[in-house]
């Protein structure tokens, strides 16, 4: 189990699903954790209470990842509350399938996909590295759809997660000499309220995996905690697939 004692983490989109799982795991392994949320403060406060139950400090920060000012402010609020930031988890994401042909995709959908899935990660990293010491970590949460697209209707989402891979690799080069690693986790089908294992389309997604079932948020959280720890110090610019062998 990684030892994250004394570390401070910010998990964007950390009030539910994969983000909440990561926040709880980092706290279990010793980190103080701030989480961002957009609408449901109750869910965010529940995660904070779970963190505090583990004798760690927690903080909920309202920040829409599509709002450039809010993204930067969330990083600064984390530093103000805890005095530092060592781990940034860019987890906040957006996916909406708009029915109809690709040429009818709205400009609003294109913009929000890029704002949340790409621009927010860039802005959060830009703000965080100003405060990061050697040994700090940036971990981007992507998707198995960045490399393998098994069906129509998800072009924008797949494109945005593929772009995140390029950002991860480039930033790893930029920050390597400063002792900061940058990696990406690409989840497959994960059982969350947004994509439940018994929900619409779950049979199709399950059939794409080699293991024959969905993963859990804790599967992603375990990889995130490892990458955040000292044992992962020689791993950077890497994309880690945690997808049950989806479309291998």
C-alpha atoms as a PDB file:
ATOM      1  CA  UNK A   1       0.000   0.000   0.000  1.00  0.00           C
ATOM      2  CA  UNK A   2       1.491   3.393  -0.971  1.00  0.00           C
ATOM      3  CA  UNK A   3       2.386   5.731   1.862  1.00  0.00           C
ATOM      4  CA  UNK A   4       0.961   9.153   1.067  1.00  0.00           C
ATOM      5  CA  UNK A   5       1.261  10.560   4.588  1.00  0.00           C
ATOM      6  CA  UNK A   6       1.871  14.288   4.538  1.00  0.00           C
ATOM      7  CA  UNK A   7       0.727  14.641   0.929  1.00  0.00           C
ATOM      8  CA  UNK A   8      -2.079  16.898  -0.302  1.00  0.00           C
ATOM      9  CA  UNK A   9      -4.245  15.905  -3.249  1.00  0.00           C
ATOM     10  CA  UNK A  10      -6.892  17.609  -5.355  1.00  0.00           C
ATOM     11  CA  UNK A  11      -9.352  15.334  -7.159  1.00  0.00           C
ATOM     12  CA  UNK A  12     -11.512  17.155  -9.683  1.00  0.00           C
ATOM     13  CA  UNK A  13     -14.977  15.693 -10.017  1.00  0.00           C
ATOM     14  CA  UNK A  14     -14.353  13.924  -6.742  1.00  0.00           C
ATOM     15  CA  UNK A  15     -17.867  13.886  -5.312  1.00  0.00           C
ATOM     16  CA  UNK A  16     -19.075  10.749  -7.103  1.00  0.00           C
ATOM     17  CA  UNK A  17     -18.106   7.707  -9.124  1.00  0.00           C
ATOM     18  CA  UNK A  18     -14.457   7.193  -9.997  1.00  0.00           C
ATOM     19  CA  UNK A  19     -13.421  10.518  -8.469  1.00  0.00           C
ATOM     20  CA  UNK A  20     -14.976   9.711  -5.105  1.00  0.00           C
ATOM     21  CA  UNK A  21     -13.301   6.306  -5.126  1.00  0.00           C
ATOM     22  CA  UNK A  22      -9.926   7.894  -5.805  1.00  0.00           C
ATOM     23  CA  UNK A  23     -10.431  10.524  -3.091  1.00  0.00           C
ATOM     24  CA  UNK A  24     -11.270   7.890  -0.484  1.00  0.00           C
ATOM     25  CA  UNK A  25      -8.332   5.681  -1.488  1.00  0.00           C
ATOM     26  CA  UNK A  26      -5.815   8.541  -1.341  1.00  0.00           C
ATOM     27  CA  UNK A  27      -7.086   9.427   2.115  1.00  0.00           C
ATOM     28  CA  UNK A  28      -6.877   5.788   3.191  1.00  0.00           C
ATOM     29  CA  UNK A  29      -3.233   5.841   2.124  1.00  0.00           C
ATOM     30  CA  UNK A  30      -2.537   8.972   4.166  1.00  0.00           C
ATOM     31  CA  UNK A  31      -3.211  12.036   2.012  1.00  0.00           C
ATOM     32  CA  UNK A  32      -5.307  15.083   2.791  1.00  0.00           C
ATOM     33  CA  UNK A  33      -7.774  15.467  -0.066  1.00  0.00           C
ATOM     34  CA  UNK A  34      -9.798  18.253  -1.640  1.00  0.00           C
ATOM     35  CA  UNK A  35     -12.553  17.387  -4.112  1.00  0.00           C
ATOM     36  CA  UNK A  36     -14.438  19.522  -6.587  1.00  0.00           C
ATOM     37  CA  UNK A  37     -18.113  19.235  -7.450  1.00  0.00           C
ATOM     38  CA  UNK A  38     -20.585  21.143  -9.595  1.00  0.00           C
ATOM     39  CA  UNK A  39     -24.136  20.663  -8.300  1.00  0.00           C
ATOM     40  CA  UNK A  40     -24.489  18.190  -5.439  1.00  0.00           C
ATOM     41  CA  UNK A  41     -22.778  19.585  -2.361  1.00  0.00           C
ATOM     42  CA  UNK A  42     -24.317  16.808  -0.275  1.00  0.00           C
ATOM     43  CA  UNK A  43     -22.405  14.116  -2.147  1.00  0.00           C
ATOM     44  CA  UNK A  44     -19.198  16.130  -1.880  1.00  0.00           C
ATOM     45  CA  UNK A  45     -19.652  16.603   1.855  1.00  0.00           C
ATOM     46  CA  UNK A  46     -20.221  12.869   2.263  1.00  0.00           C
ATOM     47  CA  UNK A  47     -16.839  12.223   0.649  1.00  0.00           C
ATOM     48  CA  UNK A  48     -15.250  14.836   2.919  1.00  0.00           C
ATOM     49  CA  UNK A  49     -16.767  13.159   5.984  1.00  0.00           C
ATOM     50  CA  UNK A  50     -15.386   9.816   4.842  1.00  0.00           C
ATOM     51  CA  UNK A  51     -11.957  11.405   4.469  1.00  0.00           C
ATOM     52  CA  UNK A  52     -12.169  12.930   7.938  1.00  0.00           C
ATOM     53  CA  UNK A  53     -13.255   9.588   9.383  1.00  0.00           C
ATOM     54  CA  UNK A  54      -9.863   8.328   8.232  1.00  0.00           C
ATOM     55  CA  UNK A  55      -8.222  11.068  10.349  1.00  0.00           C
ATOM     56  CA  UNK A  56      -7.274  13.059   7.271  1.00  0.00           C
ATOM     57  CA  UNK A  57      -8.303  16.557   6.255  1.00  0.00           C
ATOM     58  CA  UNK A  58     -10.878  16.993   3.514  1.00  0.00           C
ATOM     59  CA  UNK A  59     -12.367  19.918   1.648  1.00  0.00           C
ATOM     60  CA  UNK A  60     -15.188  20.281  -0.895  1.00  0.00           C
ATOM     61  CA  UNK A  61     -14.805  23.018  -3.518  1.00  0.00           C
ATOM     62  CA  UNK A  62     -17.541  24.016  -5.928  1.00  0.00           C
ATOM     63  CA  UNK A  63     -15.985  24.325  -9.383  1.00  0.00           C
ATOM     64  CA  UNK A  64     -17.451  23.655 -12.812  1.00  0.00           C
ATOM     65  CA  UNK A  65     -14.644  22.244 -14.961  1.00  0.00           C
ATOM     66  CA  UNK A  66     -16.055  24.200 -17.923  1.00  0.00           C
ATOM     67  CA  UNK A  67     -15.341  27.450 -16.050  1.00  0.00           C
ATOM     68  CA  UNK A  68     -11.689  28.397 -16.572  1.00  0.00           C
ATOM     69  CA  UNK A  69     -11.614  30.750 -13.594  1.00  0.00           C
ATOM     70  CA  UNK A  70     -13.178  28.162 -11.283  1.00  0.00           C
ATOM     71  CA  UNK A  71     -10.642  25.496 -12.271  1.00  0.00           C
ATOM     72  CA  UNK A  72      -7.683  27.685 -11.328  1.00  0.00           C
ATOM     73  CA  UNK A  73      -9.448  28.898  -8.190  1.00  0.00           C
ATOM     74  CA  UNK A  74      -9.954  25.298  -7.027  1.00  0.00           C
ATOM     75  CA  UNK A  75      -6.204  24.691  -7.107  1.00  0.00           C
ATOM     76  CA  UNK A  76      -5.534  27.892  -5.193  1.00  0.00           C
ATOM     77  CA  UNK A  77      -8.245  27.030  -2.647  1.00  0.00           C
ATOM     78  CA  UNK A  78      -6.567  23.671  -2.051  1.00  0.00           C
ATOM     79  CA  UNK A  79      -3.198  25.316  -1.446  1.00  0.00           C
ATOM     80  CA  UNK A  80      -4.788  27.917   0.808  1.00  0.00           C
ATOM     81  CA  UNK A  81      -6.552  25.270   2.887  1.00  0.00           C
ATOM     82  CA  UNK A  82      -3.707  22.762   3.198  1.00  0.00           C
ATOM     83  CA  UNK A  83      -0.577  24.800   2.496  1.00  0.00           C
ATOM     84  CA  UNK A  84       0.560  22.779  -0.536  1.00  0.00           C
ATOM     85  CA  UNK A  85      -0.451  20.477  -3.366  1.00  0.00           C
ATOM     86  CA  UNK A  86       1.455  17.304  -4.212  1.00  0.00           C
ATOM     87  CA  UNK A  87      -1.050  15.285  -6.242  1.00  0.00           C
ATOM     88  CA  UNK A  88      -3.428  16.537  -8.917  1.00  0.00           C
ATOM     89  CA  UNK A  89      -6.004  14.083 -10.244  1.00  0.00           C
ATOM     90  CA  UNK A  90      -7.700  15.485 -13.354  1.00  0.00           C
ATOM     91  CA  UNK A  91     -10.797  13.335 -13.166  1.00  0.00           C
ATOM     92  CA  UNK A  92     -13.683  15.676 -14.050  1.00  0.00           C
ATOM     93  CA  UNK A  93     -15.173  14.616 -17.350  1.00  0.00           C
ATOM     94  CA  UNK A  94     -18.115  15.148 -19.662  1.00  0.00           C
ATOM     95  CA  UNK A  95     -19.793  12.843 -22.149  1.00  0.00           C
ATOM     96  CA  UNK A  96     -23.035  13.412 -24.004  1.00  0.00           C
ATOM     97  CA  UNK A  97     -24.178  11.457 -27.021  1.00  0.00           C
ATOM     98  CA  UNK A  98     -26.183  13.711 -29.308  1.00  0.00           C
ATOM     99  CA  UNK A  99     -28.530  11.734 -31.575  1.00  0.00           C
ATOM    100  CA  UNK A 100     -28.328  12.203 -35.303  1.00  0.00           C
ATOM    101  CA  UNK A 101     -25.510  12.410 -37.831  1.00  0.00           C
ATOM    102  CA  UNK A 102     -22.118  13.788 -36.915  1.00  0.00           C
ATOM    103  CA  UNK A 103     -22.577  16.939 -39.000  1.00  0.00           C
ATOM    104  CA  UNK A 104     -25.463  17.910 -36.730  1.00  0.00           C
ATOM    105  CA  UNK A 105     -23.352  17.938 -33.558  1.00  0.00           C
ATOM    106  CA  UNK A 106     -23.835  21.333 -31.928  1.00  0.00           C
ATOM    107  CA  UNK A 107     -21.086  23.850 -31.338  1.00  0.00           C
ATOM    108  CA  UNK A 108     -22.155  23.935 -27.688  1.00  0.00           C
ATOM    109  CA  UNK A 109     -21.519  20.200 -27.345  1.00  0.00           C
ATOM    110  CA  UNK A 110     -18.148  20.474 -29.050  1.00  0.00           C
ATOM    111  CA  UNK A 111     -17.103  23.363 -26.817  1.00  0.00           C
ATOM    112  CA  UNK A 112     -18.213  21.773 -23.548  1.00  0.00           C
ATOM    113  CA  UNK A 113     -16.509  18.474 -24.385  1.00  0.00           C
ATOM    114  CA  UNK A 114     -13.241  20.284 -24.997  1.00  0.00           C
ATOM    115  CA  UNK A 115     -13.613  22.652 -22.045  1.00  0.00           C
ATOM    116  CA  UNK A 116     -14.212  19.915 -19.493  1.00  0.00           C
ATOM    117  CA  UNK A 117     -12.120  17.058 -20.853  1.00  0.00           C
ATOM    118  CA  UNK A 118      -9.082  18.960 -22.143  1.00  0.00           C
ATOM    119  CA  UNK A 119      -8.934  22.622 -21.184  1.00  0.00           C
ATOM    120  CA  UNK A 120      -9.732  21.998 -17.519  1.00  0.00           C
ATOM    121  CA  UNK A 121      -6.859  19.506 -17.208  1.00  0.00           C
ATOM    122  CA  UNK A 122      -4.469  21.969 -18.830  1.00  0.00           C
ATOM    123  CA  UNK A 123      -5.537  24.854 -16.609  1.00  0.00           C
ATOM    124  CA  UNK A 124      -5.498  22.805 -13.410  1.00  0.00           C
ATOM    125  CA  UNK A 125      -2.016  21.513 -14.190  1.00  0.00           C
ATOM    126  CA  UNK A 126      -0.787  24.990 -15.071  1.00  0.00           C
ATOM    127  CA  UNK A 127      -2.009  26.307 -11.728  1.00  0.00           C
ATOM    128  CA  UNK A 128      -0.806  23.319  -9.702  1.00  0.00           C
ATOM    129  CA  UNK A 129       2.779  23.120 -10.991  1.00  0.00           C
ATOM    130  CA  UNK A 130       3.458  26.587  -9.605  1.00  0.00           C
ATOM    131  CA  UNK A 131       3.178  25.015  -6.158  1.00  0.00           C
ATOM    132  CA  UNK A 132       4.565  21.532  -6.788  1.00  0.00           C
ATOM    133  CA  UNK A 133       7.855  20.319  -5.346  1.00  0.00           C
ATOM    134  CA  UNK A 134       9.946  17.479  -6.784  1.00  0.00           C
ATOM    135  CA  UNK A 135       8.165  14.179  -6.215  1.00  0.00           C
ATOM    136  CA  UNK A 136       4.742  15.615  -7.026  1.00  0.00           C
ATOM    137  CA  UNK A 137       2.307  13.837  -9.326  1.00  0.00           C
ATOM    138  CA  UNK A 138      -0.229  14.753 -12.003  1.00  0.00           C
ATOM    139  CA  UNK A 139      -2.592  11.934 -12.993  1.00  0.00           C
ATOM    140  CA  UNK A 140      -5.115  12.365 -15.787  1.00  0.00           C
ATOM    141  CA  UNK A 141      -8.169  10.129 -16.014  1.00  0.00           C
ATOM    142  CA  UNK A 142      -8.860   9.266 -19.640  1.00  0.00           C
ATOM    143  CA  UNK A 143     -10.803   6.416 -21.215  1.00  0.00           C
ATOM    144  CA  UNK A 144     -10.232   3.210 -23.129  1.00  0.00           C
ATOM    145  CA  UNK A 145     -12.129   5.007 -25.902  1.00  0.00           C
ATOM    146  CA  UNK A 146      -9.024   7.119 -26.476  1.00  0.00           C
ATOM    147  CA  UNK A 147      -7.552   4.200 -28.426  1.00  0.00           C
ATOM    148  CA  UNK A 148     -10.438   1.913 -29.370  1.00  0.00           C
ATOM    149  CA  UNK A 149     -13.859   3.138 -30.498  1.00  0.00           C
ATOM    150  CA  UNK A 150     -16.266   0.183 -30.764  1.00  0.00           C
ATOM    151  CA  UNK A 151     -19.311   2.051 -32.050  1.00  0.00           C
ATOM    152  CA  UNK A 152     -20.684   5.300 -33.471  1.00  0.00           C
ATOM    153  CA  UNK A 153     -21.865   8.392 -31.632  1.00  0.00           C
ATOM    154  CA  UNK A 154     -18.874   8.974 -29.342  1.00  0.00           C
ATOM    155  CA  UNK A 155     -16.494  10.762 -31.697  1.00  0.00           C
ATOM    156  CA  UNK A 156     -16.142  13.928 -29.634  1.00  0.00           C
ATOM    157  CA  UNK A 157     -15.557  12.092 -26.369  1.00  0.00           C
ATOM    158  CA  UNK A 158     -13.018   9.715 -27.915  1.00  0.00           C
ATOM    159  CA  UNK A 159     -11.212  12.621 -29.535  1.00  0.00           C
ATOM    160  CA  UNK A 160     -10.993  14.542 -26.274  1.00  0.00           C
ATOM    161  CA  UNK A 161      -9.580  11.581 -24.367  1.00  0.00           C
ATOM    162  CA  UNK A 162      -7.067  10.893 -27.137  1.00  0.00           C
ATOM    163  CA  UNK A 163      -5.972  14.523 -26.917  1.00  0.00           C
ATOM    164  CA  UNK A 164      -5.472  14.017 -23.190  1.00  0.00           C
ATOM    165  CA  UNK A 165      -2.903  11.314 -23.990  1.00  0.00           C
ATOM    166  CA  UNK A 166      -0.898  13.816 -26.019  1.00  0.00           C
ATOM    167  CA  UNK A 167      -1.115  16.362 -23.219  1.00  0.00           C
ATOM    168  CA  UNK A 168       0.075  13.761 -20.715  1.00  0.00           C
ATOM    169  CA  UNK A 169       3.100  12.820 -22.799  1.00  0.00           C
ATOM    170  CA  UNK A 170       4.068  16.402 -23.563  1.00  0.00           C
ATOM    171  CA  UNK A 171       3.668  17.587 -19.989  1.00  0.00           C
ATOM    172  CA  UNK A 172       5.725  14.642 -18.751  1.00  0.00           C
ATOM    173  CA  UNK A 173       8.596  15.948 -20.888  1.00  0.00           C
ATOM    174  CA  UNK A 174       8.151  19.487 -19.619  1.00  0.00           C
ATOM    175  CA  UNK A 175       8.008  18.550 -15.949  1.00  0.00           C
ATOM    176  CA  UNK A 176      10.412  15.607 -15.829  1.00  0.00           C
ATOM    177  CA  UNK A 177      13.467  17.784 -15.115  1.00  0.00           C
ATOM    178  CA  UNK A 178      11.539  19.303 -12.197  1.00  0.00           C
ATOM    179  CA  UNK A 179      10.892  15.900 -10.629  1.00  0.00           C
ATOM    180  CA  UNK A 180       7.144  15.927 -11.328  1.00  0.00           C
ATOM    181  CA  UNK A 181       5.641  12.901 -13.072  1.00  0.00           C
ATOM    182  CA  UNK A 182       2.591  12.964 -15.332  1.00  0.00           C
ATOM    183  CA  UNK A 183       0.613   9.838 -16.219  1.00  0.00           C
ATOM    184  CA  UNK A 184      -2.805   8.842 -17.513  1.00  0.00           C
ATOM    185  CA  UNK A 185      -5.213   6.094 -16.485  1.00  0.00           C
ATOM    186  CA  UNK A 186      -7.626   4.848 -19.135  1.00  0.00           C
ATOM    187  CA  UNK A 187     -10.592   3.125 -17.480  1.00  0.00           C
ATOM    188  CA  UNK A 188     -12.880   0.685 -19.236  1.00  0.00           C
ATOM    189  CA  UNK A 189     -16.485   0.047 -18.186  1.00  0.00           C
ATOM    190  CA  UNK A 190     -16.701   1.054 -14.510  1.00  0.00           C
ATOM    191  CA  UNK A 191     -19.819   0.518 -12.402  1.00  0.00           C
ATOM    192  CA  UNK A 192     -20.921   4.033 -11.400  1.00  0.00           C
ATOM    193  CA  UNK A 193     -24.216   5.892 -11.287  1.00  0.00           C
ATOM    194  CA  UNK A 194     -23.344   7.387 -14.693  1.00  0.00           C
ATOM    195  CA  UNK A 195     -22.645   3.976 -16.267  1.00  0.00           C
ATOM    196  CA  UNK A 196     -24.176   1.273 -14.073  1.00  0.00           C
ATOM    197  CA  UNK A 197     -23.295  -2.351 -14.690  1.00  0.00           C
ATOM    198  CA  UNK A 198     -26.998  -3.113 -15.107  1.00  0.00           C
ATOM    199  CA  UNK A 199     -27.836  -0.030 -17.154  1.00  0.00           C
ATOM    200  CA  UNK A 200     -28.608   0.535 -20.840  1.00  0.00           C
ATOM    201  CA  UNK A 201     -25.769  -0.636 -23.043  1.00  0.00           C
ATOM    202  CA  UNK A 202     -24.069  -2.563 -20.250  1.00  0.00           C
ATOM    203  CA  UNK A 203     -24.350  -5.912 -22.026  1.00  0.00           C
ATOM    204  CA  UNK A 204     -22.557  -4.481 -25.058  1.00  0.00           C
ATOM    205  CA  UNK A 205     -19.798  -2.962 -22.910  1.00  0.00           C
ATOM    206  CA  UNK A 206     -19.368  -6.116 -20.857  1.00  0.00           C
ATOM    207  CA  UNK A 207     -19.008  -8.184 -24.016  1.00  0.00           C
ATOM    208  CA  UNK A 208     -16.082  -6.001 -25.090  1.00  0.00           C
ATOM    209  CA  UNK A 209     -14.051  -6.911 -22.006  1.00  0.00           C
ATOM    210  CA  UNK A 210     -11.794  -9.928 -21.673  1.00  0.00           C
ATOM    211  CA  UNK A 211     -12.806 -10.518 -18.052  1.00  0.00           C
ATOM    212  CA  UNK A 212     -16.537 -10.461 -18.753  1.00  0.00           C
ATOM    213  CA  UNK A 213     -17.608  -7.883 -16.190  1.00  0.00           C
ATOM    214  CA  UNK A 214     -17.454  -4.230 -15.231  1.00  0.00           C
ATOM    215  CA  UNK A 215     -14.764  -2.848 -12.960  1.00  0.00           C
ATOM    216  CA  UNK A 216     -15.332  -0.774  -9.831  1.00  0.00           C
ATOM    217  CA  UNK A 217     -14.138   2.748  -8.946  1.00  0.00           C
ATOM    218  CA  UNK A 218     -11.687   1.147  -6.541  1.00  0.00           C
ATOM    219  CA  UNK A 219      -9.917  -0.548  -9.451  1.00  0.00           C
ATOM    220  CA  UNK A 220      -9.084   2.880 -10.830  1.00  0.00           C
ATOM    221  CA  UNK A 221      -8.362   4.247  -7.370  1.00  0.00           C
ATOM    222  CA  UNK A 222      -5.780   1.545  -6.714  1.00  0.00           C
ATOM    223  CA  UNK A 223      -3.843   2.521  -9.845  1.00  0.00           C
ATOM    224  CA  UNK A 224      -4.124   6.216  -9.010  1.00  0.00           C
ATOM    225  CA  UNK A 225      -2.757   5.640  -5.516  1.00  0.00           C
ATOM    226  CA  UNK A 226       0.146   3.606  -6.892  1.00  0.00           C
ATOM    227  CA  UNK A 227       1.041   6.289  -9.421  1.00  0.00           C
ATOM    228  CA  UNK A 228       0.831   8.905  -6.659  1.00  0.00           C
ATOM    229  CA  UNK A 229       3.297   7.030  -4.443  1.00  0.00           C
ATOM    230  CA  UNK A 230       7.077   6.858  -4.271  1.00  0.00           C
ATOM    231  CA  UNK A 231       7.255   3.452  -5.970  1.00  0.00           C
ATOM    232  CA  UNK A 232       6.055   5.054  -9.228  1.00  0.00           C
ATOM    233  CA  UNK A 233       8.774   7.686  -9.346  1.00  0.00           C
ATOM    234  CA  UNK A 234      10.306   6.294 -12.560  1.00  0.00           C
ATOM    235  CA  UNK A 235       6.972   6.120 -14.399  1.00  0.00           C
ATOM    236  CA  UNK A 236       6.025   9.189 -16.431  1.00  0.00           C
ATOM    237  CA  UNK A 237       4.349   9.896 -19.734  1.00  0.00           C
ATOM    238  CA  UNK A 238       2.653   6.511 -19.465  1.00  0.00           C
ATOM    239  CA  UNK A 239      -0.905   5.479 -20.232  1.00  0.00           C
ATOM    240  CA  UNK A 240      -2.178   2.769 -17.916  1.00  0.00           C
ATOM    241  CA  UNK A 241      -5.143   0.746 -19.160  1.00  0.00           C
ATOM    242  CA  UNK A 242      -7.424  -0.409 -16.351  1.00  0.00           C
ATOM    243  CA  UNK A 243     -10.200  -1.702 -18.545  1.00  0.00           C
ATOM    244  CA  UNK A 244     -10.582  -5.450 -18.068  1.00  0.00           C
ATOM    245  CA  UNK A 245      -9.047  -6.049 -21.489  1.00  0.00           C
ATOM    246  CA  UNK A 246     -11.617  -4.022 -23.390  1.00  0.00           C
ATOM    247  CA  UNK A 247     -11.257  -4.657 -27.123  1.00  0.00           C
ATOM    248  CA  UNK A 248      -7.742  -6.086 -26.817  1.00  0.00           C
END
